[in-house]
Amino acid sequence: MARIDQTPFEIAISGLTHDGRGVGRRPDPKAPDSAGKAIFVAGALPGERVMAKQTARSRSFDEAVAVQVLQASPDRVDPRCAHFGVCGGCALQHLAEDQQILAKQRVLMENFERIGHVMPERVLPALTDSAWGYRRKGRFSVRRVEKKDKTLVGFRETDPRFVADISRCETVIPAIGDKVAALAALIDGMDGRREIPQVEFIGGDRMDDHDGIALTFRHLAPLSQGDHDKLAAFGREHRFAIFLQPGGIDTVHPLWPADPQLQFSLPDWDLRLKFRPLDFIQVNASLNGRMIQHALDLLEPQPEDRVLDLFAGLGNFTLPLARRVREVVGVEGEAGLVQRARENATHNGLGNAQFYAADLGKDLSGERWMREGFDRLLLDPPRSGADFVLTQLPLKQFKRIVYVSCHPASLARDAGYLVREKGWKLRAAGVMDMFPHTAHVESIAMFER
């Protein structure tokens, strides 16, 4: 493979990619009349001229990183985090917050047009909340670097082969984000420091014996009693619940306290949802509450309605819906989440919420709940979307569909199916900033017959 010429070159930036890089074209000196090959420049913004250094090439585009900004965009801001540009956790800290959400809105609309060949009748105002200290769930990578005689704890670098050497994180909730250096020092002092590849964190409500934050230490070999003692002491000092994971998800068990309870509240609906340390919960607690209300407003459930909630998880949407309707049925593929969703319904005194375990990517014709009548549908699928389950549902029974999406391309594809093949109307759609300073696009769409 030919070596890449890394001589800096000047380039004008005209757009922004879906992952937050600037887009420009580099003229080919051998073809001066051509538009030039597209090049994606990390750290550059639309409207800027930068000096860039090429880092990779492919047939259809090249990649580069900005090394100097010659003409800055008026939307450029100084990143708050000292590790921005190295740590891969954020891609947009150099772009003003109000422009970040507009960029995400453009990504959503471009996907509707390009993939779904459909556009919403109404673009919803973007849903936003605090842009800092919001992330309550995530995974830190851990790596012992012998050359530095140091253990690194953090997110992956922009080059995912490496772990970013960070001391704190501005986007993680402060109770965890301010303790990254302390966590690295803890692991560095352990006998098993080379056997710990990751630490999962999750945050909920303050409890009697801990502050609602759980750390789960994945370890590839048994830990010594001394390491157990150090981890428990760290938990007591910082009021963290400490869990160990020697194997798969089913091996997760508490170290300290003996039986820590984890829960988060949805105060607008007088709900408390219990969860386990590796369960899926929405990353942004404040935005989550606003998103639930947003979804319910769009769905317009009536007191006598029966509502179907697909990809229901712990009941994040299902249980608030149960406060509003005659009956709601939640369906989720992971049996453990279904069991905890049922327990959450009971714990909150809700007898009108039923939960079923089913793989929504497979044939559902034998499922009992598929033969029951419903008035409205809410779904919140993973990145792969809901195309298969939508083809199986008797869609004519629903008056309205609300689709919450974590991937605009799959939403656009499924919207195209509903509108162009099934005759639904895409009445409204918009973005929600669940992950500020990242290029992640969370969105919501409402369909009517």
Protein backbone atom coordinates (compact mmCIF):
# COMPACT_ATOMS: atom_id res chain seq x y z
CA MET A 1 0.00 0.00 0.00
CA ALA A 2 1.34 3.42 -0.96
CA ARG A 3 2.27 5.70 1.91
CA ILE A 4 -0.04 8.64 2.63
CA ASP A 5 1.45 12.07 1.99
CA GLN A 6 0.97 13.90 5.31
CA THR A 7 2.13 17.28 4.06
CA PRO A 8 -0.41 19.83 5.40
CA PHE A 9 -2.72 21.31 2.77
CA GLU A 10 -5.33 24.06 2.75
CA ILE A 11 -8.98 23.18 2.25
CA ALA A 12 -12.35 24.97 2.42
CA ILE A 13 -15.06 23.20 4.45
CA SER A 14 -18.58 23.24 3.03
CA GLY A 15 -20.53 20.74 5.15
CA LEU A 16 -20.63 18.41 8.13
CA THR A 17 -20.73 14.61 8.04
CA HIS A 18 -23.15 12.54 10.12
CA ASP A 19 -20.28 11.81 12.54
CA GLY A 20 -19.29 15.45 13.03
CA ARG A 21 -16.39 15.90 10.62
CA GLY A 22 -16.06 18.76 8.17
CA VAL A 23 -16.54 18.02 4.47
CA GLY A 24 -14.49 19.61 1.73
CA ARG A 25 -13.10 18.78 -1.69
CA ARG A 26 -9.43 18.64 -2.55
CA PRO A 27 -8.74 19.53 -6.21
CA ASP A 28 -6.74 17.02 -8.19
CA PRO A 29 -3.78 18.83 -9.79
CA LYS A 30 -3.98 16.34 -12.66
CA ALA A 31 -7.63 17.27 -13.32
CA PRO A 32 -7.98 20.99 -12.52
CA ASP A 33 -11.50 21.20 -13.94
CA SER A 34 -12.90 18.48 -11.68
CA ALA A 35 -14.68 19.19 -8.38
CA GLY A 36 -12.08 17.14 -6.54
CA LYS A 37 -12.30 14.18 -4.21
CA ALA A 38 -14.36 14.49 -1.04
CA ILE A 39 -12.33 14.63 2.13
CA PHE A 40 -13.65 14.39 5.70
CA VAL A 41 -11.70 16.58 8.11
CA ALA A 42 -11.90 15.96 11.85
CA GLY A 43 -11.97 19.18 13.88
CA ALA A 44 -13.22 21.37 11.02
CA LEU A 45 -16.58 23.14 10.67
CA PRO A 46 -18.65 24.37 7.71
CA GLY A 47 -17.56 27.78 6.45
CA GLU A 48 -13.97 27.37 7.62
CA ARG A 49 -10.64 27.26 5.84
CA VAL A 50 -8.17 24.98 7.57
CA MET A 51 -4.78 23.42 7.15
CA ALA A 52 -5.30 19.67 7.28
CA LYS A 53 -3.16 16.56 7.29
CA GLN A 54 -4.37 13.42 5.53
CA THR A 55 -4.78 10.34 7.74
CA ALA A 56 -6.50 7.75 5.53
CA ARG A 57 -7.76 7.16 2.01
CA SER A 58 -10.48 5.14 0.35
CA ARG A 59 -11.87 4.92 -3.16
CA SER A 60 -14.72 7.40 -2.64
CA PHE A 61 -13.29 9.78 -0.03
CA ASP A 62 -10.19 10.60 1.99
CA GLU A 63 -9.83 11.40 5.69
CA ALA A 64 -7.83 14.11 7.39
CA VAL A 65 -7.47 16.06 10.62
CA ALA A 66 -7.35 19.85 10.96
CA VAL A 67 -3.98 21.06 12.22
CA GLN A 68 -4.65 24.82 11.97
CA VAL A 69 -7.77 26.93 11.54
CA LEU A 70 -7.05 29.72 9.05
CA GLN A 71 -10.57 31.16 8.94
CA ALA A 72 -12.87 30.18 11.79
CA SER A 73 -16.62 29.70 11.66
CA PRO A 74 -18.64 32.13 13.82
CA ASP A 75 -20.15 28.98 15.36
CA ARG A 76 -16.79 27.70 16.62
CA VAL A 77 -16.36 27.66 20.40
CA ASP A 78 -13.56 26.59 22.72
CA PRO A 79 -14.11 22.99 23.86
CA ARG A 80 -14.64 22.73 27.60
CA CYS A 81 -12.82 19.40 27.87
CA ALA A 82 -9.02 19.38 27.79
CA HIS A 83 -9.10 15.96 26.12
CA PHE A 84 -11.32 16.96 23.18
CA GLY A 85 -9.84 15.89 19.86
CA VAL A 86 -8.05 12.93 21.43
CA CYS A 87 -10.85 11.25 23.39
CA GLY A 88 -13.46 9.74 21.08
CA GLY A 89 -16.34 10.31 23.51
CA CYS A 90 -17.33 13.65 21.93
CA ALA A 91 -17.18 14.92 18.36
CA LEU A 92 -18.84 18.36 18.51
CA GLN A 93 -17.56 20.29 21.53
CA HIS A 94 -16.01 22.84 19.16
CA LEU A 95 -19.46 23.67 17.72
CA ALA A 96 -21.88 25.99 19.57
CA GLU A 97 -24.60 24.02 21.35
CA ASP A 98 -27.47 25.66 19.44
CA GLN A 99 -25.75 24.74 16.18
CA GLN A 100 -25.11 21.15 17.25
CA ILE A 101 -28.82 20.42 17.50
CA LEU A 102 -29.50 22.13 14.17
CA ALA A 103 -26.85 19.91 12.57
CA LYS A 104 -28.59 16.85 14.01
CA GLN A 105 -31.92 18.07 12.68
CA ARG A 106 -30.37 18.36 9.22
CA VAL A 107 -29.05 14.80 9.47
CA LEU A 108 -32.54 13.54 10.29
CA MET A 109 -34.20 15.41 7.42
CA GLU A 110 -31.51 14.32 4.95
CA ASN A 111 -32.11 10.70 5.96
CA PHE A 112 -35.86 11.07 5.50
CA GLU A 113 -35.32 12.49 2.02
CA ARG A 114 -32.49 10.22 0.87
CA ILE A 115 -33.46 6.89 2.45
CA GLY A 116 -37.19 7.06 3.17
CA HIS A 117 -38.14 9.34 0.25
CA VAL A 118 -40.60 11.02 2.61
CA MET A 119 -40.69 14.25 4.63
CA PRO A 120 -42.68 15.13 7.74
CA GLU A 121 -45.56 17.54 7.40
CA ARG A 122 -44.27 19.36 10.48
CA VAL A 123 -40.77 19.58 11.95
CA LEU A 124 -40.98 19.44 15.73
CA PRO A 125 -38.97 21.88 17.86
CA ALA A 126 -35.80 20.18 19.07
CA LEU A 127 -35.94 18.77 22.58
CA THR A 128 -32.89 19.80 24.61
CA ASP A 129 -31.69 19.93 28.20
CA SER A 130 -28.41 20.47 30.05
CA ALA A 131 -25.44 19.74 27.81
CA TRP A 132 -22.92 18.95 30.55
CA GLY A 133 -22.73 16.35 33.30
CA TYR A 134 -25.69 14.44 31.87
CA ARG A 135 -24.40 10.96 31.09
CA ARG A 136 -25.46 8.48 33.78
CA LYS A 137 -24.61 5.22 31.98
CA GLY A 138 -21.56 4.14 30.03
CA ARG A 139 -18.43 2.06 29.85
CA PHE A 140 -14.87 3.09 30.61
CA SER A 141 -12.12 1.11 28.93
CA VAL A 142 -9.13 0.18 31.09
CA ARG A 143 -5.59 -0.46 29.88
CA ARG A 144 -2.33 -0.95 31.72
CA VAL A 145 0.45 0.79 29.75
CA GLU A 146 3.76 -0.61 30.91
CA LYS A 147 5.87 1.93 29.01
CA LYS A 148 4.19 4.72 30.97
CA ASP A 149 3.98 2.63 34.16
CA LYS A 150 0.36 3.77 34.32
CA THR A 151 -3.17 2.41 34.14
CA LEU A 152 -5.48 4.39 31.86
CA VAL A 153 -9.23 4.64 32.47
CA GLY A 154 -11.44 6.46 29.99
CA PHE A 155 -13.24 6.27 26.69
CA ARG A 156 -11.52 5.11 23.52
CA GLU A 157 -9.49 7.66 21.60
CA THR A 158 -10.56 8.79 18.14
CA ASP A 159 -8.20 6.00 17.11
CA PRO A 160 -10.09 3.20 18.88
CA ARG A 161 -6.95 1.11 19.36
CA PHE A 162 -6.03 3.36 22.28
CA VAL A 163 -7.61 4.41 25.57
CA ALA A 164 -7.70 8.15 26.17
CA ASP A 165 -5.59 9.29 29.13
CA ILE A 166 -8.19 11.43 30.90
CA SER A 167 -8.49 12.66 34.48
CA ARG A 168 -12.15 13.67 34.39
CA CYS A 169 -15.09 13.76 31.98
CA GLU A 170 -17.28 16.83 31.49
CA THR A 171 -20.26 14.98 30.01
CA VAL A 172 -20.55 12.18 32.59
CA ILE A 173 -22.55 12.95 35.75
CA PRO A 174 -20.12 14.69 38.15
CA ALA A 175 -20.30 11.99 40.82
CA ILE A 176 -18.54 9.72 38.30
CA GLY A 177 -16.95 12.15 35.85
CA ASP A 178 -14.94 13.85 38.61
CA LYS A 179 -13.64 10.51 39.88
CA VAL A 180 -11.93 9.17 36.74
CA ALA A 181 -8.44 9.86 38.08
CA ALA A 182 -9.31 8.25 41.42
CA LEU A 183 -10.69 5.22 39.61
CA ALA A 184 -7.49 4.89 37.57
CA ALA A 185 -5.38 5.14 40.73
CA LEU A 186 -7.52 2.47 42.40
CA ILE A 187 -7.08 -0.01 39.56
CA ASP A 188 -3.38 0.80 39.20
CA GLY A 189 -2.87 -0.21 42.83
CA MET A 190 -4.59 -3.58 42.43
CA ASP A 191 -2.90 -6.95 41.96
CA GLY A 192 -5.27 -7.64 39.06
CA ARG A 193 -4.77 -4.34 37.26
CA ARG A 194 -3.83 -6.16 34.04
CA GLU A 195 -6.95 -8.32 34.22
CA ILE A 196 -9.57 -5.53 34.20
CA PRO A 197 -10.52 -4.46 30.64
CA GLN A 198 -13.51 -2.26 31.46
CA VAL A 199 -15.66 -0.64 34.13
CA GLU A 200 -19.36 -0.06 33.51
CA PHE A 201 -21.05 2.80 35.35
CA ILE A 202 -24.71 3.53 35.90
CA GLY A 203 -26.48 6.09 38.07
CA GLY A 204 -29.90 6.27 39.68
CA ASP A 205 -31.44 7.64 42.88
CA ARG A 206 -29.61 8.02 46.18
CA MET A 207 -30.22 5.07 48.53
CA ASP A 208 -29.54 4.51 52.23
CA ASP A 209 -26.20 2.71 51.76
CA HIS A 210 -24.95 4.28 48.52
CA ASP A 211 -25.53 7.31 46.30
CA GLY A 212 -27.33 5.37 43.56
CA ILE A 213 -24.22 4.84 41.45
CA ALA A 214 -22.97 1.37 40.56
CA LEU A 215 -19.59 0.42 39.12
CA THR A 216 -19.21 -3.02 37.55
CA PHE A 217 -15.63 -4.25 37.21
CA ARG A 218 -15.13 -6.81 34.44
CA HIS A 219 -12.17 -9.06 35.32
CA LEU A 220 -10.58 -11.79 33.21
CA ALA A 221 -9.03 -13.70 36.12
CA PRO A 222 -10.01 -14.14 39.79
CA LEU A 223 -9.19 -11.13 41.95
CA SER A 224 -7.25 -11.44 45.17
CA GLN A 225 -8.79 -10.83 48.57
CA GLY A 226 -6.65 -7.71 48.77
CA ASP A 227 -8.22 -6.42 45.56
CA HIS A 228 -11.69 -7.18 46.91
CA ASP A 229 -10.85 -5.17 50.01
CA LYS A 230 -9.57 -2.22 47.96
CA LEU A 231 -12.68 -2.18 45.77
CA ALA A 232 -15.01 -2.35 48.78
CA ALA A 233 -13.09 0.44 50.51
CA PHE A 234 -13.36 2.58 47.36
CA GLY A 235 -17.10 1.95 47.30
CA ARG A 236 -17.52 2.93 50.94
CA GLU A 237 -15.40 6.07 50.52
CA HIS A 238 -17.33 7.35 47.50
CA ARG A 239 -20.68 5.71 48.31
CA PHE A 240 -20.58 3.67 45.11
CA ALA A 241 -22.17 0.24 44.85
CA ILE A 242 -19.48 -2.15 43.59
CA PHE A 243 -20.24 -5.14 41.37
CA LEU A 244 -17.91 -7.76 39.87
CA GLN A 245 -18.28 -9.48 36.50
CA PRO A 246 -15.96 -12.49 36.04
CA GLY A 247 -17.78 -13.75 32.90
CA GLY A 248 -21.01 -13.07 31.01
CA ILE A 249 -23.87 -10.84 32.12
CA ASP A 250 -25.29 -13.58 34.32
CA THR A 251 -22.09 -13.60 36.43
CA VAL A 252 -22.53 -10.02 37.68
CA HIS A 253 -22.74 -9.99 41.47
CA PRO A 254 -22.40 -7.39 44.24
CA LEU A 255 -19.21 -6.93 46.26
CA TRP A 256 -20.30 -3.96 48.37
CA PRO A 257 -22.89 -3.44 49.82
CA ALA A 258 -24.12 -7.01 50.16
CA ASP A 259 -27.43 -6.37 48.38
CA PRO A 260 -27.46 -2.90 46.80
CA GLN A 261 -30.79 -1.74 45.35
CA LEU A 262 -30.76 0.47 42.25
CA GLN A 263 -33.66 2.58 41.02
CA PHE A 264 -34.47 5.80 39.18
CA SER A 265 -37.53 7.99 39.51
CA LEU A 266 -39.96 9.44 37.02
CA PRO A 267 -41.51 12.02 39.36
CA ASP A 268 -44.02 13.41 36.86
CA TRP A 269 -45.75 10.02 36.93
CA ASP A 270 -44.96 9.10 40.55
CA LEU A 271 -42.90 6.10 39.40
CA ARG A 272 -39.76 4.39 40.63
CA LEU A 273 -38.13 1.86 38.30
CA LYS A 274 -35.73 -0.69 39.74
CA PHE A 275 -32.85 -1.90 37.57
CA ARG A 276 -29.68 -4.00 37.62
CA PRO A 277 -26.20 -2.57 36.96
CA LEU A 278 -25.95 -3.67 33.29
CA ASP A 279 -29.58 -3.00 32.35
CA PHE A 280 -30.41 -0.55 29.59
CA ILE A 281 -31.68 2.77 30.88
CA GLN A 282 -31.76 6.07 29.01
CA VAL A 283 -28.40 7.81 29.32
CA ASN A 284 -29.72 11.32 29.99
CA ALA A 285 -32.08 11.38 33.00
CA SER A 286 -33.39 14.94 32.54
CA LEU A 287 -33.94 14.55 28.82
CA ASN A 288 -35.57 11.17 29.41
CA GLY A 289 -38.39 12.70 31.45
CA ARG A 290 -39.00 15.32 28.79
CA MET A 291 -38.87 12.69 26.05
CA ILE A 292 -41.52 10.56 27.76
CA GLN A 293 -43.85 13.53 28.04
CA HIS A 294 -43.10 14.48 24.42
CA ALA A 295 -43.96 10.96 23.25
CA LEU A 296 -47.19 10.85 25.23
CA ASP A 297 -48.22 14.27 23.90
CA LEU A 298 -47.70 13.03 20.34
CA LEU A 299 -49.44 9.70 20.94
CA GLU A 300 -52.47 11.37 22.58
CA PRO A 301 -53.56 8.25 24.51
CA GLN A 302 -57.17 8.28 25.70
CA PRO A 303 -58.46 6.84 29.00
CA GLU A 304 -60.21 3.91 27.28
CA ASP A 305 -57.31 3.02 24.98
CA ARG A 306 -55.28 -0.18 24.86
CA VAL A 307 -51.71 0.71 23.88
CA LEU A 308 -48.94 -1.52 22.55
CA ASP A 309 -45.39 -0.56 23.55
CA LEU A 310 -42.70 -2.44 21.63
CA PHE A 311 -39.05 -2.72 22.75
CA ALA A 312 -40.35 -1.79 26.19
CA GLY A 313 -37.26 -2.48 28.29
CA LEU A 314 -37.86 -1.84 31.99
CA GLY A 315 -41.12 -0.02 31.24
CA ASN A 316 -39.70 3.47 30.66
CA PHE A 317 -42.68 4.38 28.44
CA THR A 318 -45.03 1.56 29.41
CA LEU A 319 -45.52 2.53 33.04
CA PRO A 320 -46.15 6.25 32.41
CA LEU A 321 -48.68 5.15 29.77
CA ALA A 322 -50.36 2.93 32.36
CA ARG A 323 -51.15 6.08 34.35
CA ARG A 324 -53.12 7.40 31.36
CA VAL A 325 -54.91 4.47 29.66
CA ARG A 326 -57.14 1.48 30.35
CA GLU A 327 -54.41 -1.04 29.54
CA VAL A 328 -50.91 -1.12 28.09
CA VAL A 329 -48.92 -4.11 26.85
CA GLY A 330 -45.12 -3.92 26.78
CA VAL A 331 -43.08 -6.36 24.68
CA GLU A 332 -39.32 -6.76 25.08
CA GLY A 333 -36.80 -9.27 23.77
CA GLU A 334 -34.64 -9.64 26.89
CA ALA A 335 -36.31 -11.89 29.45
CA GLY A 336 -34.49 -10.32 32.40
CA LEU A 337 -35.77 -6.86 31.51
CA VAL A 338 -39.30 -8.23 31.13
CA GLN A 339 -39.16 -9.76 34.60
CA ARG A 340 -37.96 -6.48 36.10
CA ALA A 341 -40.61 -4.55 34.16
CA ARG A 342 -43.28 -6.78 35.70
CA GLU A 343 -41.77 -6.20 39.12
CA ASN A 344 -41.75 -2.46 38.46
CA ALA A 345 -45.45 -2.53 37.57
CA THR A 346 -46.24 -4.38 40.79
CA HIS A 347 -43.93 -2.15 42.84
CA ASN A 348 -45.78 0.92 41.54
CA GLY A 349 -49.24 -0.57 42.07
CA LEU A 350 -50.09 -0.80 38.36
CA GLY A 351 -52.36 -3.70 37.47
CA ASN A 352 -53.11 -2.50 33.93
CA ALA A 353 -49.58 -3.00 32.52
CA GLN A 354 -48.78 -6.42 31.06
CA PHE A 355 -45.34 -7.47 29.81
CA TYR A 356 -44.30 -10.22 27.39
CA ALA A 357 -40.90 -11.52 26.29
CA ALA A 358 -40.56 -11.94 22.51
CA ASP A 359 -37.83 -11.62 19.91
CA LEU A 360 -39.24 -8.80 17.76
CA GLY A 361 -36.95 -9.75 14.90
CA LYS A 362 -38.59 -13.15 14.40
CA ASP A 363 -41.97 -14.61 13.47
CA LEU A 364 -44.56 -13.38 15.98
CA SER A 365 -47.66 -15.06 14.59
CA GLY A 366 -47.88 -17.42 17.55
CA GLU A 367 -47.71 -14.69 20.18
CA ARG A 368 -50.94 -14.24 22.14
CA TRP A 369 -50.57 -10.49 22.41
CA MET A 370 -50.41 -10.21 18.60
CA ARG A 371 -54.06 -11.33 18.42
CA GLU A 372 -55.30 -8.70 20.87
CA GLY A 373 -56.73 -5.41 19.68
CA PHE A 374 -54.92 -2.13 20.25
CA ASP A 375 -55.68 1.53 19.66
CA ARG A 376 -52.21 3.07 19.58
CA LEU A 377 -48.61 1.96 19.08
CA LEU A 378 -45.41 3.29 20.64
CA LEU A 379 -42.05 1.78 19.75
CA ASP A 380 -38.44 2.51 20.72
CA PRO A 381 -36.28 0.02 18.78
CA PRO A 382 -32.49 -0.42 18.78
CA ARG A 383 -30.29 0.96 15.99
CA SER A 384 -31.43 -1.73 13.57
CA GLY A 385 -34.96 -0.31 13.65
CA ALA A 386 -38.36 -2.01 13.53
CA ASP A 387 -38.79 -3.03 9.89
CA PHE A 388 -39.46 -6.71 10.54
CA VAL A 389 -42.01 -6.25 13.31
CA LEU A 390 -43.84 -3.54 11.36
CA THR A 391 -44.41 -5.97 8.49
CA GLN A 392 -46.11 -8.40 10.90
CA LEU A 393 -48.40 -6.05 12.81
CA PRO A 394 -52.01 -5.51 11.71
CA LEU A 395 -51.35 -1.79 11.35
CA LYS A 396 -54.93 -0.83 10.50
CA GLN A 397 -55.95 -1.27 14.12
CA PHE A 398 -53.88 1.71 15.27
CA LYS A 399 -55.12 5.28 15.23
CA ARG A 400 -51.65 6.70 15.77
CA ILE A 401 -48.02 5.53 15.92
CA VAL A 402 -45.17 7.22 17.77
CA TYR A 403 -41.69 5.97 16.87
CA VAL A 404 -38.70 6.88 19.08
CA SER A 405 -35.41 6.26 17.31
CA CYS A 406 -31.72 6.17 18.16
CA HIS A 407 -30.66 5.90 14.49
CA PRO A 408 -32.03 8.27 11.83
CA ALA A 409 -31.29 5.94 8.91
CA SER A 410 -33.43 3.10 10.28
CA LEU A 411 -36.21 5.52 11.22
CA ALA A 412 -36.16 6.95 7.68
CA ARG A 413 -36.30 3.46 6.17
CA ASP A 414 -39.24 2.44 8.38
CA ALA A 415 -41.01 5.74 7.76
CA GLY A 416 -40.73 5.10 4.03
CA TYR A 417 -42.36 1.70 4.51
CA LEU A 418 -45.23 3.10 6.57
CA VAL A 419 -45.92 6.03 4.25
CA ARG A 420 -45.22 4.69 0.76
CA GLU A 421 -46.33 1.08 1.23
CA LYS A 422 -48.96 1.24 3.96
CA GLY A 423 -50.54 4.64 3.38
CA TRP A 424 -49.73 6.27 6.70
CA LYS A 425 -49.00 10.00 7.01
CA LEU A 426 -45.80 11.23 8.62
CA ARG A 427 -47.39 14.09 10.52
CA ALA A 428 -44.41 15.27 12.56
CA ALA A 429 -40.78 14.47 13.36
CA GLY A 430 -37.87 16.07 15.16
CA VAL A 431 -34.69 15.46 17.12
CA MET A 432 -33.98 15.13 20.83
CA ASP A 433 -30.50 15.86 22.19
CA MET A 434 -30.00 12.75 24.31
CA PHE A 435 -26.21 12.89 23.77
CA PRO A 436 -25.00 16.53 23.60
CA HIS A 437 -21.52 17.10 22.10
CA THR A 438 -21.66 13.77 20.27
CA ALA A 439 -22.86 13.12 16.73
CA HIS A 440 -25.53 10.70 18.01
CA VAL A 441 -29.00 11.64 16.73
CA GLU A 442 -32.04 10.68 18.83
CA SER A 443 -35.36 11.43 17.14
CA ILE A 444 -39.10 10.96 17.32
CA ALA A 445 -41.81 10.68 14.67
CA MET A 446 -45.61 10.57 14.72
CA PHE A 447 -47.73 8.81 12.12
CA GLU A 448 -51.48 8.84 11.50
CA ARG A 449 -53.67 6.86 9.12
